mmCIF file of all heavy atoms, coordinates in Angstrom:
data_MODEL
# 
_entry.id   MODEL 
# 
loop_
_atom_site.group_PDB 
_atom_site.id 
_atom_site.type_symbol 
_atom_site.label_atom_id 
_atom_site.label_alt_id 
_atom_site.label_comp_id 
_atom_site.label_asym_id 
_atom_site.label_entity_id 
_atom_site.label_seq_id 
_atom_site.pdbx_PDB_ins_code 
_atom_site.Cartn_x 
_atom_site.Cartn_y 
_atom_site.Cartn_z 
_atom_site.occupancy 
_atom_site.B_iso_or_equiv 
_atom_site.pdbx_formal_charge 
_atom_site.auth_seq_id 
_atom_site.auth_comp_id 
_atom_site.auth_asym_id 
_atom_site.auth_atom_id 
_atom_site.pdbx_PDB_model_num 
ATOM 1   N N   . ALA A 1 1  ? -6.287  -4.118  4.163  1.00 0.00 ? 1  ALA A N   1 
ATOM 2   C CA  . ALA A 1 1  ? -7.495  -3.953  5.011  1.00 0.00 ? 1  ALA A CA  1 
ATOM 3   C C   . ALA A 1 1  ? -8.674  -4.852  4.509  1.00 0.00 ? 1  ALA A C   1 
ATOM 4   O O   . ALA A 1 1  ? -8.312  -6.053  4.404  1.00 0.00 ? 1  ALA A O   1 
ATOM 5   C CB  . ALA A 1 1  ? -7.982  -2.536  4.898  1.00 0.00 ? 1  ALA A CB  1 
ATOM 6   N N   . ASP A 1 2  ? -9.842  -4.267  4.279  1.00 0.00 ? 2  ASP A N   1 
ATOM 7   C CA  . ASP A 1 2  ? -10.962 -5.202  3.780  1.00 0.00 ? 2  ASP A CA  1 
ATOM 8   C C   . ASP A 1 2  ? -10.805 -5.906  2.602  1.00 0.00 ? 2  ASP A C   1 
ATOM 9   O O   . ASP A 1 2  ? -11.631 -6.880  2.208  1.00 0.00 ? 2  ASP A O   1 
ATOM 10  C CB  . ASP A 1 2  ? -12.179 -4.408  3.888  1.00 0.00 ? 2  ASP A CB  1 
ATOM 11  C CG  . ASP A 1 2  ? -12.645 -3.912  5.286  1.00 0.00 ? 2  ASP A CG  1 
ATOM 12  O OD1 . ASP A 1 2  ? -12.183 -4.528  6.233  1.00 0.00 ? 2  ASP A OD1 1 
ATOM 13  O OD2 . ASP A 1 2  ? -13.445 -3.014  5.385  1.00 0.00 ? 2  ASP A OD2 1 
ATOM 14  N N   . ASN A 1 3  ? -9.857  -5.493  1.773  1.00 0.00 ? 3  ASN A N   1 
ATOM 15  C CA  . ASN A 1 3  ? -9.599  -6.118  0.482  1.00 0.00 ? 3  ASN A CA  1 
ATOM 16  C C   . ASN A 1 3  ? -8.703  -7.388  0.552  1.00 0.00 ? 3  ASN A C   1 
ATOM 17  O O   . ASN A 1 3  ? -8.457  -7.973  -0.404 1.00 0.00 ? 3  ASN A O   1 
ATOM 18  C CB  . ASN A 1 3  ? -8.930  -5.178  -0.428 1.00 0.00 ? 3  ASN A CB  1 
ATOM 19  C CG  . ASN A 1 3  ? -10.111 -4.194  -1.022 1.00 0.00 ? 3  ASN A CG  1 
ATOM 20  O OD1 . ASN A 1 3  ? -11.228 -4.679  -1.289 1.00 0.00 ? 3  ASN A OD1 1 
ATOM 21  N ND2 . ASN A 1 3  ? -9.757  -2.885  -1.234 1.00 0.00 ? 3  ASN A ND2 1 
ATOM 22  N N   . LEU A 1 4  ? -8.209  -7.645  1.787  1.00 0.00 ? 4  LEU A N   1 
ATOM 23  C CA  . LEU A 1 4  ? -7.644  -9.054  1.930  1.00 0.00 ? 4  LEU A CA  1 
ATOM 24  C C   . LEU A 1 4  ? -8.679  -10.084 2.177  1.00 0.00 ? 4  LEU A C   1 
ATOM 25  O O   . LEU A 1 4  ? -9.009  -10.251 3.193  1.00 0.00 ? 4  LEU A O   1 
ATOM 26  C CB  . LEU A 1 4  ? -6.634  -8.967  3.058  1.00 0.00 ? 4  LEU A CB  1 
ATOM 27  C CG  . LEU A 1 4  ? -5.649  -10.190 3.220  1.00 0.00 ? 4  LEU A CG  1 
ATOM 28  C CD1 . LEU A 1 4  ? -4.713  -10.435 1.999  1.00 0.00 ? 4  LEU A CD1 1 
ATOM 29  C CD2 . LEU A 1 4  ? -4.706  -10.032 4.479  1.00 0.00 ? 4  LEU A CD2 1 
ATOM 30  N N   . GLU A 1 5  ? -8.946  -10.847 1.046  1.00 0.00 ? 5  GLU A N   1 
ATOM 31  C CA  . GLU A 1 5  ? -10.085 -11.933 1.326  1.00 0.00 ? 5  GLU A CA  1 
ATOM 32  C C   . GLU A 1 5  ? -9.645  -12.980 2.179  1.00 0.00 ? 5  GLU A C   1 
ATOM 33  O O   . GLU A 1 5  ? -10.463 -13.416 2.860  1.00 0.00 ? 5  GLU A O   1 
ATOM 34  C CB  . GLU A 1 5  ? -10.400 -12.461 -0.189 1.00 0.00 ? 5  GLU A CB  1 
ATOM 35  C CG  . GLU A 1 5  ? -11.453 -13.459 0.003  1.00 0.00 ? 5  GLU A CG  1 
ATOM 36  C CD  . GLU A 1 5  ? -11.893 -13.795 -1.534 1.00 0.00 ? 5  GLU A CD  1 
ATOM 37  O OE1 . GLU A 1 5  ? -12.570 -13.097 -2.137 1.00 0.00 ? 5  GLU A OE1 1 
ATOM 38  O OE2 . GLU A 1 5  ? -11.571 -14.949 -1.931 1.00 0.00 ? 5  GLU A OE2 1 
ATOM 39  N N   . LYS A 1 6  ? -8.375  -13.542 1.978  1.00 0.00 ? 6  LYS A N   1 
ATOM 40  C CA  . LYS A 1 6  ? -7.878  -14.693 2.738  1.00 0.00 ? 6  LYS A CA  1 
ATOM 41  C C   . LYS A 1 6  ? -6.406  -14.524 3.115  1.00 0.00 ? 6  LYS A C   1 
ATOM 42  O O   . LYS A 1 6  ? -5.630  -13.924 2.286  1.00 0.00 ? 6  LYS A O   1 
ATOM 43  C CB  . LYS A 1 6  ? -8.008  -15.957 2.018  1.00 0.00 ? 6  LYS A CB  1 
ATOM 44  C CG  . LYS A 1 6  ? -9.645  -16.506 1.977  1.00 0.00 ? 6  LYS A CG  1 
ATOM 45  C CD  . LYS A 1 6  ? -9.557  -17.939 1.332  1.00 0.00 ? 6  LYS A CD  1 
ATOM 46  C CE  . LYS A 1 6  ? -11.052 -18.429 1.436  1.00 0.00 ? 6  LYS A CE  1 
ATOM 47  N NZ  . LYS A 1 6  ? -11.351 -18.763 2.758  1.00 0.00 ? 6  LYS A NZ  1 
ATOM 48  N N   . MET A 1 7  ? -6.124  -14.980 4.281  1.00 0.00 ? 7  MET A N   1 
ATOM 49  C CA  . MET A 1 7  ? -4.672  -15.177 4.665  1.00 0.00 ? 7  MET A CA  1 
ATOM 50  C C   . MET A 1 7  ? -4.363  -16.631 5.059  1.00 0.00 ? 7  MET A C   1 
ATOM 51  O O   . MET A 1 7  ? -5.099  -17.123 6.043  1.00 0.00 ? 7  MET A O   1 
ATOM 52  C CB  . MET A 1 7  ? -4.241  -14.305 5.783  1.00 0.00 ? 7  MET A CB  1 
ATOM 53  C CG  . MET A 1 7  ? -2.869  -14.372 6.267  1.00 0.00 ? 7  MET A CG  1 
ATOM 54  S SD  . MET A 1 7  ? -2.281  -13.109 7.496  1.00 0.00 ? 7  MET A SD  1 
ATOM 55  C CE  . MET A 1 7  ? -2.438  -11.756 6.804  1.00 0.00 ? 7  MET A CE  1 
ATOM 56  N N   . ILE A 1 8  ? -3.556  -17.325 4.333  1.00 0.00 ? 8  ILE A N   1 
ATOM 57  C CA  . ILE A 1 8  ? -3.439  -18.768 4.556  1.00 0.00 ? 8  ILE A CA  1 
ATOM 58  C C   . ILE A 1 8  ? -1.946  -19.110 5.034  1.00 0.00 ? 8  ILE A C   1 
ATOM 59  O O   . ILE A 1 8  ? -1.082  -18.697 4.406  1.00 0.00 ? 8  ILE A O   1 
ATOM 60  C CB  . ILE A 1 8  ? -3.773  -19.532 3.288  1.00 0.00 ? 8  ILE A CB  1 
ATOM 61  C CG1 . ILE A 1 8  ? -5.285  -19.261 2.889  1.00 0.00 ? 8  ILE A CG1 1 
ATOM 62  C CG2 . ILE A 1 8  ? -3.618  -21.045 3.485  1.00 0.00 ? 8  ILE A CG2 1 
ATOM 63  C CD1 . ILE A 1 8  ? -5.569  -19.909 1.468  1.00 0.00 ? 8  ILE A CD1 1 
ATOM 64  N N   . PHE A 1 9  ? -1.844  -19.703 6.235  1.00 0.00 ? 9  PHE A N   1 
ATOM 65  C CA  . PHE A 1 9  ? -0.450  -20.149 6.673  1.00 0.00 ? 9  PHE A CA  1 
ATOM 66  C C   . PHE A 1 9  ? -0.081  -21.435 6.251  1.00 0.00 ? 9  PHE A C   1 
ATOM 67  O O   . PHE A 1 9  ? -0.773  -22.477 6.581  1.00 0.00 ? 9  PHE A O   1 
ATOM 68  C CB  . PHE A 1 9  ? -0.547  -19.949 8.281  1.00 0.00 ? 9  PHE A CB  1 
ATOM 69  C CG  . PHE A 1 9  ? -1.198  -18.681 8.742  1.00 0.00 ? 9  PHE A CG  1 
ATOM 70  C CD1 . PHE A 1 9  ? -2.392  -18.801 9.605  1.00 0.00 ? 9  PHE A CD1 1 
ATOM 71  C CD2 . PHE A 1 9  ? -0.718  -17.536 8.408  1.00 0.00 ? 9  PHE A CD2 1 
ATOM 72  C CE1 . PHE A 1 9  ? -2.840  -17.560 10.014 1.00 0.00 ? 9  PHE A CE1 1 
ATOM 73  C CE2 . PHE A 1 9  ? -1.250  -16.327 8.820  1.00 0.00 ? 9  PHE A CE2 1 
ATOM 74  C CZ  . PHE A 1 9  ? -2.283  -16.466 9.681  1.00 0.00 ? 9  PHE A CZ  1 
ATOM 75  N N   . ILE A 1 10 ? 1.126   -21.524 5.663  1.00 0.00 ? 10 ILE A N   1 
ATOM 76  C CA  . ILE A 1 10 ? 1.545   -22.792 5.207  1.00 0.00 ? 10 ILE A CA  1 
ATOM 77  C C   . ILE A 1 10 ? 2.882   -23.203 5.908  1.00 0.00 ? 10 ILE A C   1 
ATOM 78  O O   . ILE A 1 10 ? 3.022   -24.362 6.304  1.00 0.00 ? 10 ILE A O   1 
ATOM 79  C CB  . ILE A 1 10 ? 1.932   -22.711 3.627  1.00 0.00 ? 10 ILE A CB  1 
ATOM 80  C CG1 . ILE A 1 10 ? 0.640   -22.442 2.975  1.00 0.00 ? 10 ILE A CG1 1 
ATOM 81  C CG2 . ILE A 1 10 ? 2.485   -24.112 3.169  1.00 0.00 ? 10 ILE A CG2 1 
ATOM 82  C CD1 . ILE A 1 10 ? 0.591   -20.994 2.497  1.00 0.00 ? 10 ILE A CD1 1 
ATOM 83  N N   . GLY A 1 11 ? 3.782   -22.356 6.208  1.00 0.00 ? 11 GLY A N   1 
ATOM 84  C CA  . GLY A 1 11 ? 5.065   -22.653 6.883  1.00 0.00 ? 11 GLY A CA  1 
ATOM 85  C C   . GLY A 1 11 ? 5.690   -21.564 7.630  1.00 0.00 ? 11 GLY A C   1 
ATOM 86  O O   . GLY A 1 11 ? 5.111   -20.571 7.935  1.00 0.00 ? 11 GLY A O   1 
ATOM 87  N N   . ALA A 1 12 ? 6.923   -21.779 8.058  1.00 0.00 ? 12 ALA A N   1 
ATOM 88  C CA  . ALA A 1 12 ? 7.657   -20.777 8.851  1.00 0.00 ? 12 ALA A CA  1 
ATOM 89  C C   . ALA A 1 12 ? 9.150   -20.831 8.463  1.00 0.00 ? 12 ALA A C   1 
ATOM 90  O O   . ALA A 1 12 ? 10.007  -21.219 9.283  1.00 0.00 ? 12 ALA A O   1 
ATOM 91  C CB  . ALA A 1 12 ? 7.512   -21.118 10.303 1.00 0.00 ? 12 ALA A CB  1 
ATOM 92  N N   . THR A 1 13 ? 9.485   -20.331 7.299  1.00 0.00 ? 13 THR A N   1 
ATOM 93  C CA  . THR A 1 13 ? 10.864  -20.298 6.904  1.00 0.00 ? 13 THR A CA  1 
ATOM 94  C C   . THR A 1 13 ? 11.634  -19.356 7.643  1.00 0.00 ? 13 THR A C   1 
ATOM 95  O O   . THR A 1 13 ? 12.895  -19.273 7.611  1.00 0.00 ? 13 THR A O   1 
ATOM 96  C CB  . THR A 1 13 ? 10.908  -19.990 5.362  1.00 0.00 ? 13 THR A CB  1 
ATOM 97  O OG1 . THR A 1 13 ? 10.284  -18.629 5.092  1.00 0.00 ? 13 THR A OG1 1 
ATOM 98  C CG2 . THR A 1 13 ? 10.086  -20.965 4.517  1.00 0.00 ? 13 THR A CG2 1 
ATOM 99  N N   . ASP A 1 14 ? 11.158  -18.232 8.279  1.00 0.00 ? 14 ASP A N   1 
ATOM 100 C CA  . ASP A 1 14 ? 11.826  -17.235 8.937  1.00 0.00 ? 14 ASP A CA  1 
ATOM 101 C C   . ASP A 1 14 ? 11.922  -17.720 10.341 1.00 0.00 ? 14 ASP A C   1 
ATOM 102 O O   . ASP A 1 14 ? 11.103  -17.297 11.208 1.00 0.00 ? 14 ASP A O   1 
ATOM 103 C CB  . ASP A 1 14 ? 11.084  -15.838 8.887  1.00 0.00 ? 14 ASP A CB  1 
ATOM 104 C CG  . ASP A 1 14 ? 11.877  -14.670 9.364  1.00 0.00 ? 14 ASP A CG  1 
ATOM 105 O OD1 . ASP A 1 14 ? 12.804  -14.998 10.096 1.00 0.00 ? 14 ASP A OD1 1 
ATOM 106 O OD2 . ASP A 1 14 ? 11.610  -13.567 8.973  1.00 0.00 ? 14 ASP A OD2 1 
ATOM 107 N N   . VAL A 1 15 ? 12.932  -18.416 10.622 1.00 0.00 ? 15 VAL A N   1 
ATOM 108 C CA  . VAL A 1 15 ? 13.160  -18.963 11.990 1.00 0.00 ? 15 VAL A CA  1 
ATOM 109 C C   . VAL A 1 15 ? 13.242  -17.887 13.098 1.00 0.00 ? 15 VAL A C   1 
ATOM 110 O O   . VAL A 1 15 ? 12.761  -18.066 14.096 1.00 0.00 ? 15 VAL A O   1 
ATOM 111 C CB  . VAL A 1 15 ? 14.416  -19.946 11.926 1.00 0.00 ? 15 VAL A CB  1 
ATOM 112 C CG1 . VAL A 1 15 ? 14.588  -20.501 13.345 1.00 0.00 ? 15 VAL A CG1 1 
ATOM 113 C CG2 . VAL A 1 15 ? 14.169  -21.096 11.051 1.00 0.00 ? 15 VAL A CG2 1 
ATOM 114 N N   . LYS A 1 16 ? 14.092  -16.863 12.748 1.00 0.00 ? 16 LYS A N   1 
ATOM 115 C CA  . LYS A 1 16 ? 14.285  -15.869 13.834 1.00 0.00 ? 16 LYS A CA  1 
ATOM 116 C C   . LYS A 1 16 ? 12.993  -15.092 14.168 1.00 0.00 ? 16 LYS A C   1 
ATOM 117 O O   . LYS A 1 16 ? 12.878  -14.736 15.398 1.00 0.00 ? 16 LYS A O   1 
ATOM 118 C CB  . LYS A 1 16 ? 15.244  -14.781 13.326 1.00 0.00 ? 16 LYS A CB  1 
ATOM 119 C CG  . LYS A 1 16 ? 16.654  -15.394 13.078 1.00 0.00 ? 16 LYS A CG  1 
ATOM 120 C CD  . LYS A 1 16 ? 17.651  -14.214 12.644 1.00 0.00 ? 16 LYS A CD  1 
ATOM 121 C CE  . LYS A 1 16 ? 19.155  -14.826 12.656 1.00 0.00 ? 16 LYS A CE  1 
ATOM 122 N NZ  . LYS A 1 16 ? 20.153  -13.883 12.133 1.00 0.00 ? 16 LYS A NZ  1 
ATOM 123 N N   . ALA A 1 17 ? 11.992  -15.008 13.252 1.00 0.00 ? 17 ALA A N   1 
ATOM 124 C CA  . ALA A 1 17 ? 10.775  -14.376 13.599 1.00 0.00 ? 17 ALA A CA  1 
ATOM 125 C C   . ALA A 1 17 ? 9.921   -15.103 14.531 1.00 0.00 ? 17 ALA A C   1 
ATOM 126 O O   . ALA A 1 17 ? 9.083   -14.498 15.106 1.00 0.00 ? 17 ALA A O   1 
ATOM 127 C CB  . ALA A 1 17 ? 9.938   -14.147 12.242 1.00 0.00 ? 17 ALA A CB  1 
ATOM 128 N N   . GLN A 1 18 ? 10.266  -16.345 14.701 1.00 0.00 ? 18 GLN A N   1 
ATOM 129 C CA  . GLN A 1 18 ? 9.501   -17.225 15.687 1.00 0.00 ? 18 GLN A CA  1 
ATOM 130 C C   . GLN A 1 18 ? 9.816   -16.873 17.179 1.00 0.00 ? 18 GLN A C   1 
ATOM 131 O O   . GLN A 1 18 ? 9.024   -17.182 18.042 1.00 0.00 ? 18 GLN A O   1 
ATOM 132 C CB  . GLN A 1 18 ? 9.754   -18.755 15.476 1.00 0.00 ? 18 GLN A CB  1 
ATOM 133 C CG  . GLN A 1 18 ? 9.461   -19.076 13.944 1.00 0.00 ? 18 GLN A CG  1 
ATOM 134 C CD  . GLN A 1 18 ? 8.275   -18.686 13.385 1.00 0.00 ? 18 GLN A CD  1 
ATOM 135 O OE1 . GLN A 1 18 ? 7.247   -18.930 13.941 1.00 0.00 ? 18 GLN A OE1 1 
ATOM 136 N NE2 . GLN A 1 18 ? 8.306   -18.011 12.238 1.00 0.00 ? 18 GLN A NE2 1 
ATOM 137 N N   . GLU A 1 19 ? 10.928  -16.164 17.326 1.00 0.00 ? 19 GLU A N   1 
ATOM 138 C CA  . GLU A 1 19 ? 11.403  -15.858 18.622 1.00 0.00 ? 19 GLU A CA  1 
ATOM 139 C C   . GLU A 1 19 ? 10.730  -14.605 19.271 1.00 0.00 ? 19 GLU A C   1 
ATOM 140 O O   . GLU A 1 19 ? 10.759  -14.440 20.443 1.00 0.00 ? 19 GLU A O   1 
ATOM 141 C CB  . GLU A 1 19 ? 12.893  -15.535 18.568 1.00 0.00 ? 19 GLU A CB  1 
ATOM 142 C CG  . GLU A 1 19 ? 13.754  -16.691 18.120 1.00 0.00 ? 19 GLU A CG  1 
ATOM 143 C CD  . GLU A 1 19 ? 15.146  -16.464 17.959 1.00 0.00 ? 19 GLU A CD  1 
ATOM 144 O OE1 . GLU A 1 19 ? 15.549  -15.104 18.226 1.00 0.00 ? 19 GLU A OE1 1 
ATOM 145 O OE2 . GLU A 1 19 ? 15.965  -17.187 17.360 1.00 0.00 ? 19 GLU A OE2 1 
ATOM 146 N N   . ASN A 1 20 ? 10.050  -13.784 18.401 1.00 0.00 ? 20 ASN A N   1 
ATOM 147 C CA  . ASN A 1 20 ? 9.344   -12.589 18.959 1.00 0.00 ? 20 ASN A CA  1 
ATOM 148 C C   . ASN A 1 20 ? 8.134   -12.415 18.292 1.00 0.00 ? 20 ASN A C   1 
ATOM 149 O O   . ASN A 1 20 ? 7.811   -11.743 17.159 1.00 0.00 ? 20 ASN A O   1 
ATOM 150 C CB  . ASN A 1 20 ? 10.381  -11.378 18.518 1.00 0.00 ? 20 ASN A CB  1 
ATOM 151 C CG  . ASN A 1 20 ? 9.654   -10.092 19.082 1.00 0.00 ? 20 ASN A CG  1 
ATOM 152 O OD1 . ASN A 1 20 ? 8.966   -10.064 20.071 1.00 0.00 ? 20 ASN A OD1 1 
ATOM 153 N ND2 . ASN A 1 20 ? 9.999   -8.983  18.438 1.00 0.00 ? 20 ASN A ND2 1 
ATOM 154 N N   . LYS A 1 21 ? 7.097   -13.032 18.840 1.00 0.00 ? 21 LYS A N   1 
ATOM 155 C CA  . LYS A 1 21 ? 5.684   -12.990 18.307 1.00 0.00 ? 21 LYS A CA  1 
ATOM 156 C C   . LYS A 1 21 ? 5.009   -11.729 18.885 1.00 0.00 ? 21 LYS A C   1 
ATOM 157 O O   . LYS A 1 21 ? 4.760   -11.459 20.094 1.00 0.00 ? 21 LYS A O   1 
ATOM 158 C CB  . LYS A 1 21 ? 4.895   -14.195 18.877 1.00 0.00 ? 21 LYS A CB  1 
ATOM 159 C CG  . LYS A 1 21 ? 5.379   -15.459 18.164 1.00 0.00 ? 21 LYS A CG  1 
ATOM 160 C CD  . LYS A 1 21 ? 5.084   -15.475 16.916 1.00 0.00 ? 21 LYS A CD  1 
ATOM 161 C CE  . LYS A 1 21 ? 5.198   -17.041 16.277 1.00 0.00 ? 21 LYS A CE  1 
ATOM 162 N NZ  . LYS A 1 21 ? 4.946   -17.026 14.895 1.00 0.00 ? 21 LYS A NZ  1 
ATOM 163 N N   . MET A 1 22 ? 4.635   -10.804 17.997 1.00 0.00 ? 22 MET A N   1 
ATOM 164 C CA  . MET A 1 22 ? 3.914   -9.515  18.336 1.00 0.00 ? 22 MET A CA  1 
ATOM 165 C C   . MET A 1 22 ? 2.478   -9.788  18.574 1.00 0.00 ? 22 MET A C   1 
ATOM 166 O O   . MET A 1 22 ? 1.971   -10.794 18.114 1.00 0.00 ? 22 MET A O   1 
ATOM 167 C CB  . MET A 1 22 ? 4.189   -8.419  17.282 1.00 0.00 ? 22 MET A CB  1 
ATOM 168 C CG  . MET A 1 22 ? 3.720   -8.785  15.884 1.00 0.00 ? 22 MET A CG  1 
ATOM 169 S SD  . MET A 1 22 ? 4.024   -7.504  14.745 1.00 0.00 ? 22 MET A SD  1 
ATOM 170 C CE  . MET A 1 22 ? 3.064   -6.256  15.377 1.00 0.00 ? 22 MET A CE  1 
ATOM 171 N N   . ALA A 1 23 ? 1.854   -8.837  19.302 1.00 0.00 ? 23 ALA A N   1 
ATOM 172 C CA  . ALA A 1 23 ? 0.522   -9.020  19.544 1.00 0.00 ? 23 ALA A CA  1 
ATOM 173 C C   . ALA A 1 23 ? -0.409  -8.642  18.266 1.00 0.00 ? 23 ALA A C   1 
ATOM 174 O O   . ALA A 1 23 ? 0.139   -8.034  17.388 1.00 0.00 ? 23 ALA A O   1 
ATOM 175 C CB  . ALA A 1 23 ? 0.131   -8.055  20.678 1.00 0.00 ? 23 ALA A CB  1 
ATOM 176 N N   . GLY A 1 24 ? -1.422  -9.104  18.304 1.00 0.00 ? 24 GLY A N   1 
ATOM 177 C CA  . GLY A 1 24 ? -2.554  -8.868  17.245 1.00 0.00 ? 24 GLY A CA  1 
ATOM 178 C C   . GLY A 1 24 ? -2.991  -10.114 16.564 1.00 0.00 ? 24 GLY A C   1 
ATOM 179 O O   . GLY A 1 24 ? -2.315  -11.054 16.382 1.00 0.00 ? 24 GLY A O   1 
ATOM 180 N N   . ASP A 1 25 ? -4.247  -10.118 16.129 1.00 0.00 ? 25 ASP A N   1 
ATOM 181 C CA  . ASP A 1 25 ? -5.017  -11.241 15.574 1.00 0.00 ? 25 ASP A CA  1 
ATOM 182 C C   . ASP A 1 25 ? -4.871  -11.136 14.102 1.00 0.00 ? 25 ASP A C   1 
ATOM 183 O O   . ASP A 1 25 ? -5.405  -10.046 13.375 1.00 0.00 ? 25 ASP A O   1 
ATOM 184 C CB  . ASP A 1 25 ? -6.456  -11.226 16.077 1.00 0.00 ? 25 ASP A CB  1 
ATOM 185 C CG  . ASP A 1 25 ? -7.105  -12.451 15.423 1.00 0.00 ? 25 ASP A CG  1 
ATOM 186 O OD1 . ASP A 1 25 ? -6.525  -13.339 15.055 1.00 0.00 ? 25 ASP A OD1 1 
ATOM 187 O OD2 . ASP A 1 25 ? -8.315  -12.386 15.473 1.00 0.00 ? 25 ASP A OD2 1 
ATOM 188 N N   . LEU A 1 26 ? -4.321  -12.066 13.399 1.00 0.00 ? 26 LEU A N   1 
ATOM 189 C CA  . LEU A 1 26 ? -4.184  -12.074 11.977 1.00 0.00 ? 26 LEU A CA  1 
ATOM 190 C C   . LEU A 1 26 ? -5.379  -12.458 11.314 1.00 0.00 ? 26 LEU A C   1 
ATOM 191 O O   . LEU A 1 26 ? -5.771  -12.218 10.253 1.00 0.00 ? 26 LEU A O   1 
ATOM 192 C CB  . LEU A 1 26 ? -3.045  -12.944 11.567 1.00 0.00 ? 26 LEU A CB  1 
ATOM 193 C CG  . LEU A 1 26 ? -1.470  -12.360 11.858 1.00 0.00 ? 26 LEU A CG  1 
ATOM 194 C CD1 . LEU A 1 26 ? -0.515  -13.435 11.642 1.00 0.00 ? 26 LEU A CD1 1 
ATOM 195 C CD2 . LEU A 1 26 ? -1.325  -11.200 10.995 1.00 0.00 ? 26 LEU A CD2 1 
# 
């Protein structure tokens, strides 16, 4: 929750996860 100061995106090693993008703002 509020204690997550930063989320930084670097790559996409999970190829299968790219096929099903769920809703929601990260």
